[in-house]
Amino acid sequence: MDQGQDQARQARVGNWAAATIGDALMPTISVIINHTAGTSAAVETDAFAARLRAAGYEPTITIARDGSEILAAAKRAHSENVDVVVAGGGDGTINCVAAQIAGTDTALGVLPLGTLNHFAKDLGIPLDVELAMQTILDGRPIAVDVGEVNGKLFLNNSSIGIYPDMVKEREAGQHRLGKSKWEAFFWACLKVARRYPFIDVQLKVDGDTLARHTPFVFVGNNAYTIDGFDLGGRKTLTGGRLSVYVSQRTGRMGLLGFAVRALFGRLRQADDFDAMLTEQVDIQTRRKSVRVSTDGEVTTLDLPLRYRIRPGALRVIVPASVDAPTSADPA
């Protein structure tokens, strides 16, 4: 490629794309929008496609009606070696797309269209749709860590115990009774708390074995910041560590509090609350399988659960103004 062609390409796609896409004159970008996401209507797809073409991309836009269509579009983008994949939706949608491109050179663009948007917040990606679109055009990619449990990826956190049970009860309430998401979650909290669910677990962490009788085990991708007694967001997604939080005992009202704070990413530190940082943790119970939540989505996995961190496995486009990631975990 001669100097004139290289300068023209940089003018079209920006310096970061020109430096990472190789010799492709027309970088490809696949945009996957979850139609059921809370603010998906704010994305004017025709206008966005026009902006992408003006920036030198060859775009493909998919409006997905459910999880299977999101997964199919993400797999298609991966098989076609698309240069950039944009995921528009909540953390579950972002997780679904990221799982297909983690460990590759494909960059992930994020349009935070969900309710909580933990991943976007912790990376400094704007929650405003217009600004998030602009970030995809003029931001820069950084390599961030992802967590994994029995081969299943998570960007934010994973848990077993009370929270996955409440999610399943909430889903049943939505389908059976036609309740809204939040109304169904409230009734699911009450129903699960009445059962007073505890599990006996063994955790193997850095050569040590811990036995706990607990309502939940919470595993985070990197350390969650402790602000006073609240566990909130993350200062880095490049620390190369899992954070593990286990409560030893609590009452019924405490169970409700744990579940709600886990949902919003704000657990509360207590005297009987174990907190650890590690690269890997194995979890065993007396059961053959257990419900596991990963970024709010619940599946059933066989025991033992093997959690590990995958440092720098995912390239994500963030605003150019966001500080460069550090390799040291602030915890």
Protein backbone atom coordinates (compact mmCIF):
# COMPACT_ATOMS: atom_id res chain seq x y z
CA MET A 1 0.00 0.00 0.00
CA ASP A 2 1.52 3.39 -0.99
CA GLN A 3 1.63 6.42 1.31
CA GLY A 4 -1.34 8.13 -0.37
CA GLN A 5 -3.58 5.10 0.13
CA ASP A 6 -2.51 4.79 3.77
CA GLN A 7 -3.29 8.46 4.46
CA ALA A 8 -6.71 8.12 2.82
CA ARG A 9 -7.52 5.07 4.94
CA GLN A 10 -6.51 6.84 8.15
CA ALA A 11 -8.76 9.75 7.21
CA ARG A 12 -11.68 7.35 6.76
CA VAL A 13 -11.40 5.08 9.79
CA GLY A 14 -9.25 6.95 12.30
CA ASN A 15 -5.73 6.17 13.49
CA TRP A 16 -6.64 3.27 15.79
CA ALA A 17 -8.55 1.39 13.07
CA ALA A 18 -5.86 1.97 10.47
CA ALA A 19 -3.26 0.64 12.89
CA THR A 20 -5.13 -2.50 13.80
CA ILE A 21 -7.09 -3.59 10.74
CA GLY A 22 -4.12 -4.25 8.47
CA ASP A 23 -4.41 -3.75 4.73
CA ALA A 24 -8.22 -3.72 4.50
CA LEU A 25 -9.32 -0.60 2.61
CA MET A 26 -12.90 -0.90 3.81
CA PRO A 27 -13.06 -2.17 7.40
CA THR A 28 -16.20 -4.13 8.22
CA ILE A 29 -18.46 -3.46 11.17
CA SER A 30 -21.43 -5.50 12.39
CA VAL A 31 -24.02 -3.76 14.58
CA ILE A 32 -26.31 -6.01 16.64
CA ILE A 33 -29.22 -4.26 18.37
CA ASN A 34 -31.40 -6.01 20.94
CA HIS A 35 -34.88 -4.86 19.96
CA THR A 36 -36.23 -5.57 23.47
CA ALA A 37 -33.61 -3.44 25.26
CA GLY A 38 -35.02 -0.52 27.21
CA THR A 39 -33.73 2.33 25.02
CA SER A 40 -33.29 0.52 21.68
CA ALA A 41 -35.78 2.94 20.07
CA ALA A 42 -33.21 5.71 20.54
CA VAL A 43 -30.99 4.13 17.88
CA GLU A 44 -31.90 5.43 14.43
CA THR A 45 -30.34 2.62 12.43
CA ASP A 46 -30.42 4.28 9.00
CA ALA A 47 -28.73 7.42 10.31
CA PHE A 48 -26.17 5.35 12.23
CA ALA A 49 -25.38 3.28 9.12
CA ALA A 50 -24.87 6.49 7.14
CA ARG A 51 -22.45 7.79 9.78
CA LEU A 52 -20.50 4.54 9.68
CA ARG A 53 -20.23 4.65 5.89
CA ALA A 54 -19.08 8.26 6.06
CA ALA A 55 -16.37 7.16 8.49
CA GLY A 56 -15.15 4.53 6.04
CA TYR A 57 -16.84 1.41 7.40
CA GLU A 58 -18.84 -1.22 5.56
CA PRO A 59 -21.71 -1.77 8.03
CA THR A 60 -24.17 -4.59 8.59
CA ILE A 61 -26.99 -3.87 11.05
CA THR A 62 -29.10 -6.58 12.66
CA ILE A 63 -32.19 -5.87 14.77
CA ALA A 64 -32.51 -8.97 16.95
CA ARG A 65 -35.86 -9.89 18.49
CA ASP A 66 -34.56 -12.39 21.04
CA GLY A 67 -31.45 -14.02 22.45
CA SER A 68 -31.19 -16.65 19.73
CA GLU A 69 -31.06 -13.97 17.04
CA ILE A 70 -28.41 -12.03 18.98
CA LEU A 71 -26.31 -15.18 19.26
CA ALA A 72 -26.74 -16.06 15.59
CA ALA A 73 -25.68 -12.57 14.49
CA ALA A 74 -22.65 -12.63 16.81
CA LYS A 75 -21.57 -16.04 15.51
CA ARG A 76 -21.98 -14.83 11.93
CA ALA A 77 -19.83 -11.77 12.63
CA HIS A 78 -17.15 -13.98 14.18
CA SER A 79 -17.15 -16.43 11.26
CA GLU A 80 -16.80 -13.54 8.82
CA ASN A 81 -13.85 -12.04 10.75
CA VAL A 82 -15.57 -8.69 11.09
CA ASP A 83 -13.20 -5.93 12.23
CA VAL A 84 -15.62 -4.38 14.76
CA VAL A 85 -18.78 -5.78 16.34
CA VAL A 86 -21.13 -3.33 18.07
CA ALA A 87 -23.47 -4.75 20.71
CA GLY A 88 -26.52 -2.64 21.53
CA GLY A 89 -28.43 -3.70 24.63
CA GLY A 90 -27.98 -4.44 28.30
CA ASP A 91 -25.19 -6.36 29.99
CA GLY A 92 -26.68 -9.70 28.90
CA THR A 93 -26.56 -8.65 25.24
CA ILE A 94 -23.00 -7.33 25.58
CA ASN A 95 -22.01 -10.64 27.22
CA CYS A 96 -23.55 -12.71 24.42
CA VAL A 97 -21.64 -10.83 21.73
CA ALA A 98 -18.38 -10.60 23.68
CA ALA A 99 -18.35 -14.36 24.24
CA GLN A 100 -18.06 -14.89 20.48
CA ILE A 101 -15.14 -12.52 19.90
CA ALA A 102 -13.09 -12.80 23.10
CA GLY A 103 -9.59 -13.99 22.31
CA THR A 104 -9.67 -12.56 18.76
CA ASP A 105 -8.51 -9.29 17.19
CA THR A 106 -12.10 -8.13 16.66
CA ALA A 107 -12.93 -4.98 18.63
CA LEU A 108 -16.17 -4.64 20.59
CA GLY A 109 -18.19 -1.45 20.43
CA VAL A 110 -20.80 -0.91 23.15
CA LEU A 111 -24.17 0.84 22.87
CA PRO A 112 -25.52 0.71 26.45
CA LEU A 113 -29.27 0.35 25.96
CA GLY A 114 -30.15 -1.65 29.09
CA THR A 115 -31.28 -0.73 32.58
CA LEU A 116 -28.05 -1.06 34.57
CA ASN A 117 -25.19 -1.05 32.02
CA HIS A 118 -22.49 -1.98 34.56
CA PHE A 119 -19.86 -2.86 31.93
CA ALA A 120 -20.20 0.44 30.07
CA LYS A 121 -20.14 2.46 33.29
CA ASP A 122 -16.97 0.79 34.57
CA LEU A 123 -15.18 1.46 31.27
CA GLY A 124 -16.26 5.10 31.07
CA ILE A 125 -18.39 4.52 27.98
CA PRO A 126 -21.14 7.20 27.80
CA LEU A 127 -24.66 6.03 28.60
CA ASP A 128 -26.07 8.63 26.21
CA VAL A 129 -26.74 6.80 22.93
CA GLU A 130 -25.49 9.62 20.72
CA LEU A 131 -22.22 9.91 22.64
CA ALA A 132 -21.80 6.13 22.69
CA MET A 133 -22.14 6.06 18.90
CA GLN A 134 -19.52 8.76 18.60
CA THR A 135 -17.21 6.77 20.87
CA ILE A 136 -17.37 3.86 18.42
CA LEU A 137 -16.28 6.23 15.63
CA ASP A 138 -13.47 8.10 17.35
CA GLY A 139 -12.61 6.06 20.46
CA ARG A 140 -9.73 3.65 20.90
CA PRO A 141 -9.55 -0.07 21.71
CA ILE A 142 -8.11 -1.37 24.96
CA ALA A 143 -7.63 -4.97 26.08
CA VAL A 144 -9.70 -5.84 29.16
CA ASP A 145 -10.04 -8.96 31.29
CA VAL A 146 -12.98 -11.32 31.23
CA GLY A 147 -14.06 -13.93 33.74
CA GLU A 148 -14.98 -17.49 32.90
CA VAL A 149 -16.81 -20.30 34.69
CA ASN A 150 -16.71 -23.78 33.16
CA GLY A 151 -16.02 -22.17 29.80
CA LYS A 152 -18.85 -19.63 30.08
CA LEU A 153 -17.73 -15.99 29.87
CA PHE A 154 -18.79 -13.11 32.10
CA LEU A 155 -17.87 -9.44 31.89
CA ASN A 156 -19.17 -8.25 35.25
CA ASN A 157 -19.90 -11.01 37.72
CA SER A 158 -21.24 -14.47 38.33
CA SER A 159 -22.98 -15.95 41.34
CA ILE A 160 -24.61 -19.04 42.77
CA GLY A 161 -27.25 -19.25 45.47
CA ILE A 162 -30.07 -16.82 46.11
CA TYR A 163 -29.67 -14.47 43.14
CA PRO A 164 -29.93 -17.06 40.32
CA ASP A 165 -32.97 -18.54 42.09
CA MET A 166 -34.63 -15.14 42.20
CA VAL A 167 -33.95 -14.53 38.52
CA LYS A 168 -35.61 -17.84 37.60
CA GLU A 169 -38.61 -17.02 39.81
CA ARG A 170 -38.82 -13.57 38.24
CA GLU A 171 -38.83 -15.03 34.73
CA ALA A 172 -41.55 -17.50 35.71
CA GLY A 173 -43.62 -14.64 37.17
CA GLN A 174 -43.26 -12.59 34.00
CA HIS A 175 -44.37 -15.44 31.73
CA ARG A 176 -47.06 -16.95 33.96
CA LEU A 177 -48.60 -13.84 35.49
CA GLY A 178 -47.74 -11.21 32.90
CA LYS A 179 -46.04 -9.00 35.48
CA SER A 180 -43.46 -6.37 34.62
CA LYS A 181 -39.78 -7.21 35.13
CA TRP A 182 -39.45 -5.25 38.37
CA GLU A 183 -42.80 -6.29 39.82
CA ALA A 184 -41.97 -9.93 39.09
CA PHE A 185 -38.55 -9.51 40.70
CA PHE A 186 -40.11 -8.12 43.89
CA TRP A 187 -42.42 -11.12 44.23
CA ALA A 188 -39.56 -13.49 43.39
CA CYS A 189 -37.52 -11.98 46.24
CA LEU A 190 -40.31 -12.65 48.72
CA LYS A 191 -40.89 -16.18 47.47
CA VAL A 192 -37.24 -17.21 47.59
CA ALA A 193 -36.64 -15.56 50.97
CA ARG A 194 -39.52 -17.57 52.47
CA ARG A 195 -37.61 -20.74 51.59
CA TYR A 196 -34.56 -19.37 53.44
CA PRO A 197 -32.15 -20.98 50.93
CA PHE A 198 -28.60 -21.79 52.03
CA ILE A 199 -26.00 -23.96 50.37
CA ASP A 200 -22.93 -25.73 51.72
CA VAL A 201 -19.94 -24.93 49.55
CA GLN A 202 -16.23 -25.65 49.46
CA LEU A 203 -14.02 -23.07 47.81
CA LYS A 204 -10.46 -23.83 46.74
CA VAL A 205 -8.54 -20.56 46.55
CA ASP A 206 -4.75 -20.32 46.19
CA GLY A 207 -4.19 -23.74 47.73
CA ASP A 208 -6.57 -23.22 50.65
CA THR A 209 -10.01 -24.81 51.11
CA LEU A 210 -12.82 -22.82 52.72
CA ALA A 211 -16.09 -24.42 53.86
CA ARG A 212 -19.07 -22.10 54.12
CA HIS A 213 -22.82 -22.35 54.79
CA THR A 214 -24.00 -19.40 52.74
CA PRO A 215 -26.91 -17.88 50.80
CA PHE A 216 -24.63 -16.99 47.90
CA VAL A 217 -21.15 -16.86 46.39
CA PHE A 218 -20.41 -13.80 44.24
CA VAL A 219 -17.44 -13.80 41.81
CA GLY A 220 -16.47 -10.57 40.05
CA ASN A 221 -14.31 -9.82 37.04
CA ASN A 222 -11.66 -7.77 38.89
CA ALA A 223 -12.09 -6.01 42.22
CA TYR A 224 -15.19 -4.04 43.10
CA THR A 225 -14.49 -0.74 44.84
CA ILE A 226 -15.30 -0.57 48.54
CA ASP A 227 -16.69 2.86 49.40
CA GLY A 228 -17.29 2.87 53.13
CA PHE A 229 -19.38 -0.27 53.55
CA ASP A 230 -20.72 -0.45 50.00
CA LEU A 231 -19.25 -2.49 47.17
CA GLY A 232 -19.90 -0.58 43.96
CA GLY A 233 -18.12 -0.29 40.60
CA ARG A 234 -14.64 -1.28 39.45
CA LYS A 235 -11.65 1.02 39.02
CA THR A 236 -10.01 -1.32 36.54
CA LEU A 237 -10.84 -4.26 34.30
CA THR A 238 -7.17 -5.02 33.68
CA GLY A 239 -6.03 -6.14 37.13
CA GLY A 240 -5.92 -9.83 36.23
CA ARG A 241 -7.84 -10.98 39.32
CA LEU A 242 -11.22 -12.39 40.25
CA SER A 243 -12.91 -10.97 43.33
CA VAL A 244 -14.73 -13.52 45.47
CA TYR A 245 -17.33 -12.54 48.08
CA VAL A 246 -19.07 -15.00 50.38
CA SER A 247 -21.55 -14.33 53.19
CA GLN A 248 -21.47 -16.87 56.00
CA ARG A 249 -24.89 -16.19 57.53
CA THR A 250 -27.77 -13.75 57.50
CA GLY A 251 -31.48 -13.56 58.25
CA ARG A 252 -34.41 -13.51 55.84
CA MET A 253 -34.41 -9.72 55.47
CA GLY A 254 -30.67 -9.86 54.97
CA LEU A 255 -31.21 -12.30 52.12
CA LEU A 256 -33.47 -9.79 50.38
CA GLY A 257 -30.88 -7.09 50.85
CA PHE A 258 -28.12 -9.27 49.45
CA ALA A 259 -30.14 -10.12 46.36
CA VAL A 260 -31.12 -6.54 45.59
CA ARG A 261 -27.61 -5.21 46.14
CA ALA A 262 -26.17 -8.00 43.98
CA LEU A 263 -28.58 -7.03 41.20
CA PHE A 264 -27.42 -3.41 41.33
CA GLY A 265 -23.77 -4.32 41.91
CA ARG A 266 -23.77 -2.93 45.45
CA LEU A 267 -23.10 -5.62 48.02
CA ARG A 268 -22.48 -4.62 51.62
CA GLN A 269 -19.41 -5.52 53.62
CA ALA A 270 -20.03 -7.15 57.02
CA ASP A 271 -18.08 -8.88 59.79
CA ASP A 272 -19.04 -12.33 58.49
CA PHE A 273 -18.38 -11.46 54.86
CA ASP A 274 -15.34 -13.08 53.16
CA ALA A 275 -13.63 -11.07 50.42
CA MET A 276 -10.74 -12.47 48.36
CA LEU A 277 -8.76 -11.73 45.19
CA THR A 278 -7.43 -14.61 43.13
CA GLU A 279 -6.75 -15.78 39.58
CA GLN A 280 -8.80 -18.95 39.97
CA VAL A 281 -11.36 -20.43 42.36
CA ASP A 282 -13.00 -23.87 42.32
CA ILE A 283 -16.40 -24.31 43.95
CA GLN A 284 -17.96 -27.62 44.98
CA THR A 285 -21.28 -28.43 46.63
CA ARG A 286 -23.11 -31.65 47.45
CA ARG A 287 -25.17 -31.29 44.28
CA LYS A 288 -24.36 -32.54 40.81
CA SER A 289 -25.34 -29.25 39.19
CA VAL A 290 -26.30 -25.74 40.25
CA ARG A 291 -27.90 -22.61 38.83
CA VAL A 292 -25.29 -20.02 37.92
CA SER A 293 -25.86 -16.41 36.91
CA THR A 294 -23.42 -14.74 34.51
CA ASP A 295 -24.09 -11.05 33.91
CA GLY A 296 -27.72 -11.57 34.90
CA GLU A 297 -28.36 -14.59 32.66
CA VAL A 298 -29.02 -17.91 34.43
CA THR A 299 -27.91 -21.36 33.27
CA THR A 300 -27.41 -24.71 34.99
CA LEU A 301 -23.81 -25.94 35.15
CA ASP A 302 -22.30 -29.19 36.40
CA LEU A 303 -20.13 -29.21 39.50
CA PRO A 304 -17.40 -28.44 40.26
CA LEU A 305 -17.45 -24.83 39.09
CA ARG A 306 -14.05 -23.68 37.90
CA TYR A 307 -13.71 -19.92 37.74
CA ARG A 308 -10.69 -18.26 36.13
CA ILE A 309 -9.63 -14.85 34.87
CA ARG A 310 -8.62 -14.34 31.23
CA PRO A 311 -6.35 -11.28 31.24
CA GLY A 312 -6.68 -8.92 28.28
CA ALA A 313 -8.89 -11.35 26.35
CA LEU A 314 -11.33 -8.76 24.97
CA ARG A 315 -10.67 -5.61 22.95
CA VAL A 316 -13.24 -2.89 23.71
CA ILE A 317 -13.56 0.58 22.16
CA VAL A 318 -13.58 3.25 24.88
CA PRO A 319 -13.51 7.06 24.72
CA ALA A 320 -10.12 8.46 23.80
CA SER A 321 -10.27 10.54 26.99
CA VAL A 322 -10.42 7.46 29.24
CA ASP A 323 -7.11 6.90 31.05
CA ALA A 324 -4.96 4.06 29.77
CA PRO A 325 -5.56 0.86 31.76
CA THR A 326 -3.10 -0.14 34.43
CA SER A 327 -1.80 -3.63 35.09
CA ALA A 328 -1.99 -3.26 38.86
CA ASP A 329 -5.18 -4.05 40.72
CA PRO A 330 -6.12 -1.10 42.98
CA ALA A 331 -7.26 -3.49 45.71
